[in-house]
C-alpha atoms as a PDB file:
ATOM      1  CA  MET A   1       0.031   0.301  -0.040  1.00  0.00           C
ATOM      2  CA  THR A   2       1.434   3.307  -1.128  1.00  0.00           C
ATOM      3  CA  GLY A   3      -1.443   5.386   1.201  1.00  0.00           C
ATOM      4  CA  GLN A   4      -2.219   6.701  -2.449  1.00  0.00           C
ATOM      5  CA  PRO A   5      -6.030   6.720  -2.922  1.00  0.00           C
ATOM      6  CA  ASP A   6      -6.698   4.263  -5.699  1.00  0.00           C
ATOM      7  CA  GLN A   7      -7.173   5.747  -9.415  1.00  0.00           C
ATOM      8  CA  GLN A   8      -9.476   3.836 -10.581  1.00  0.00           C
ATOM      9  CA  GLN A   9      -9.755   4.396 -14.419  1.00  0.00           C
ATOM     10  CA  PRO A  10     -12.865   5.285 -16.517  1.00  0.00           C
ATOM     11  CA  THR A  11     -14.608   2.274 -17.744  1.00  0.00           C
ATOM     12  CA  PRO A  12     -13.820   2.894 -21.444  1.00  0.00           C
ATOM     13  CA  LEU A  13     -16.561   3.485 -23.669  1.00  0.00           C
ATOM     14  CA  HIS A  14     -18.495   2.042 -26.641  1.00  0.00           C
ATOM     15  CA  VAL A  15     -17.734   3.203 -30.147  1.00  0.00           C
ATOM     16  CA  PHE A  16     -19.600   3.065 -33.312  1.00  0.00           C
ATOM     17  CA  LEU A  17     -19.056   4.546 -36.712  1.00  0.00           C
ATOM     18  CA  SER A  18     -21.614   5.510 -39.419  1.00  0.00           C
ATOM     19  CA  ASP A  19     -21.570   4.046 -42.390  1.00  0.00           C
ATOM     20  CA  ALA A  20     -20.116   7.361 -44.180  1.00  0.00           C
ATOM     21  CA  ALA A  21     -17.310   7.230 -41.273  1.00  0.00           C
ATOM     22  CA  GLU A  22     -16.080   3.642 -42.215  1.00  0.00           C
ATOM     23  CA  HIS A  23     -15.810   4.627 -45.884  1.00  0.00           C
ATOM     24  CA  ALA A  24     -13.815   7.551 -45.002  1.00  0.00           C
ATOM     25  CA  LEU A  25     -11.570   5.857 -42.722  1.00  0.00           C
ATOM     26  CA  ALA A  26     -11.195   3.150 -45.855  1.00  0.00           C
ATOM     27  CA  ALA A  27     -10.063   6.069 -47.617  1.00  0.00           C
ATOM     28  CA  LEU A  28      -7.521   7.614 -45.749  1.00  0.00           C
ATOM     29  CA  GLN A  29      -3.489   7.380 -45.355  1.00  0.00           C
ATOM     30  CA  PRO A  30      -1.452   5.018 -43.144  1.00  0.00           C
ATOM     31  CA  GLY A  31      -0.345   7.613 -41.024  1.00  0.00           C
ATOM     32  CA  GLU A  32      -3.868   9.407 -41.127  1.00  0.00           C
ATOM     33  CA  LEU A  33      -5.716   6.348 -40.304  1.00  0.00           C
ATOM     34  CA  ASP A  34      -2.981   5.760 -37.660  1.00  0.00           C
ATOM     35  CA  ALA A  35      -4.094   9.529 -36.072  1.00  0.00           C
ATOM     36  CA  VAL A  36      -7.885   9.062 -36.338  1.00  0.00           C
ATOM     37  CA  GLU A  37      -7.049   5.608 -34.592  1.00  0.00           C
ATOM     38  CA  LYS A  38      -5.322   7.382 -31.718  1.00  0.00           C
ATOM     39  CA  LEU A  39      -7.868   9.803 -31.506  1.00  0.00           C
ATOM     40  CA  ILE A  40     -10.722   7.410 -31.155  1.00  0.00           C
ATOM     41  CA  GLU A  41      -9.068   5.538 -28.408  1.00  0.00           C
ATOM     42  CA  ARG A  42      -8.837   8.879 -26.442  1.00  0.00           C
ATOM     43  CA  LEU A  43     -12.039   9.748 -27.138  1.00  0.00           C
ATOM     44  CA  THR A  44     -13.562   6.226 -25.550  1.00  0.00           C
ATOM     45  CA  VAL A  45     -11.839   7.856 -22.076  1.00  0.00           C
ATOM     46  CA  HIS A  46     -12.534  11.081 -22.223  1.00  0.00           C
ATOM     47  CA  PRO A  47     -15.698  11.562 -25.289  1.00  0.00           C
ATOM     48  CA  ARG A  48     -15.685  15.102 -24.158  1.00  0.00           C
ATOM     49  CA  LEU A  49     -11.963  15.927 -25.545  1.00  0.00           C
ATOM     50  CA  GLY A  50     -13.622  17.966 -28.462  1.00  0.00           C
ATOM     51  CA  ILE A  51     -14.981  21.337 -29.229  1.00  0.00           C
ATOM     52  CA  PRO A  52     -18.964  21.630 -28.855  1.00  0.00           C
ATOM     53  CA  VAL A  53     -20.755  21.288 -31.235  1.00  0.00           C
ATOM     54  CA  PRO A  54     -24.151  23.497 -30.611  1.00  0.00           C
ATOM     55  CA  GLY A  55     -27.487  23.030 -31.733  1.00  0.00           C
ATOM     56  CA  GLY A  56     -28.316  19.319 -31.208  1.00  0.00           C
ATOM     57  CA  THR A  57     -31.719  18.061 -31.470  1.00  0.00           C
ATOM     58  CA  ASP A  58     -31.791  15.271 -28.621  1.00  0.00           C
ATOM     59  CA  PRO A  59     -31.270  16.888 -25.215  1.00  0.00           C
ATOM     60  CA  GLU A  60     -29.483  13.568 -24.384  1.00  0.00           C
ATOM     61  CA  VAL A  61     -26.709  13.387 -26.848  1.00  0.00           C
ATOM     62  CA  ASP A  62     -23.974  16.012 -26.782  1.00  0.00           C
ATOM     63  CA  ASP A  63     -22.344  16.325 -30.278  1.00  0.00           C
ATOM     64  CA  TYR A  64     -18.517  17.564 -30.800  1.00  0.00           C
ATOM     65  CA  THR A  65     -15.866  17.303 -33.435  1.00  0.00           C
ATOM     66  CA  ALA A  66     -12.159  17.317 -32.549  1.00  0.00           C
ATOM     67  CA  ARG A  67      -9.141  17.086 -34.866  1.00  0.00           C
ATOM     68  CA  THR A  68      -6.060  14.873 -34.891  1.00  0.00           C
ATOM     69  CA  ASP A  69      -2.401  15.123 -34.075  1.00  0.00           C
ATOM     70  CA  PRO A  70      -0.680  15.680 -37.894  1.00  0.00           C
ATOM     71  CA  ALA A  71      -0.402  12.004 -39.404  1.00  0.00           C
ATOM     72  CA  ALA A  72       3.101  11.200 -39.351  1.00  0.00           C
ATOM     73  CA  ASP A  73       2.856  10.429 -42.807  1.00  0.00           C
ATOM     74  CA  THR A  74       1.108  13.567 -44.564  1.00  0.00           C
ATOM     75  CA  GLY A  75       1.243  15.877 -41.949  1.00  0.00           C
ATOM     76  CA  ASP A  76      -2.803  16.442 -42.212  1.00  0.00           C
ATOM     77  CA  ARG A  77      -4.835  16.589 -39.413  1.00  0.00           C
ATOM     78  CA  ILE A  78      -8.320  14.653 -39.632  1.00  0.00           C
ATOM     79  CA  SER A  79     -11.813  15.900 -38.050  1.00  0.00           C
ATOM     80  CA  VAL A  80     -13.812  13.606 -36.284  1.00  0.00           C
ATOM     81  CA  VAL A  81     -17.771  14.707 -36.053  1.00  0.00           C
ATOM     82  CA  TYR A  82     -18.941  12.369 -33.439  1.00  0.00           C
ATOM     83  CA  ARG A  83     -21.794  12.138 -30.999  1.00  0.00           C
ATOM     84  CA  TYR A  84     -21.601  11.507 -27.205  1.00  0.00           C
ATOM     85  CA  HIS A  85     -24.557  10.113 -25.596  1.00  0.00           C
ATOM     86  CA  GLU A  86     -23.410   9.335 -21.883  1.00  0.00           C
ATOM     87  CA  ALA A  87     -26.398   7.209 -20.407  1.00  0.00           C
ATOM     88  CA  MET A  88     -25.299   4.361 -22.863  1.00  0.00           C
ATOM     89  CA  SER A  89     -21.802   4.670 -22.200  1.00  0.00           C
ATOM     90  CA  SER A  90     -21.110   5.080 -26.341  1.00  0.00           C
ATOM     91  CA  VAL A  91     -19.680   8.026 -28.842  1.00  0.00           C
ATOM     92  CA  PHE A  92     -20.943   7.586 -32.305  1.00  0.00           C
ATOM     93  CA  VAL A  93     -18.347   8.796 -34.781  1.00  0.00           C
ATOM     94  CA  THR A  94     -20.533  10.527 -38.039  1.00  0.00           C
ATOM     95  CA  TRP A  95     -18.155  11.603 -40.013  1.00  0.00           C
ATOM     96  CA  ILE A  96     -14.468  11.899 -40.848  1.00  0.00           C
ATOM     97  CA  ILE A  97     -13.636  14.507 -42.786  1.00  0.00           C
ATOM     98  CA  ALA A  98     -10.107  14.549 -44.520  1.00  0.00           C
ATOM     99  CA  GLY A  99      -8.591  16.753 -47.623  1.00  0.00           C
ATOM    100  CA  PRO A 100      -8.220  20.075 -48.826  1.00  0.00           C
END
């Protein structure tokens, strides 16, 4: 025992991808894909990481957009648009936006 209180990690959330997000994911360069996967992994523990998007229609769902770190191969940053449903412990990625 170290005298420190237990620092329990939160239970990771479930992440779901829309058909459009899966299609966009398949078209990414390897470094971009890695950057998106790392961001999604962070969202499973910190779902409010992104910038809130106002105007959602469901009061139980919060909408966010987040940007990845620069991709290792292209240097591009990818935008990920997602919804966080706290009661369902889930993140739903609706869009992955890459390109100029």
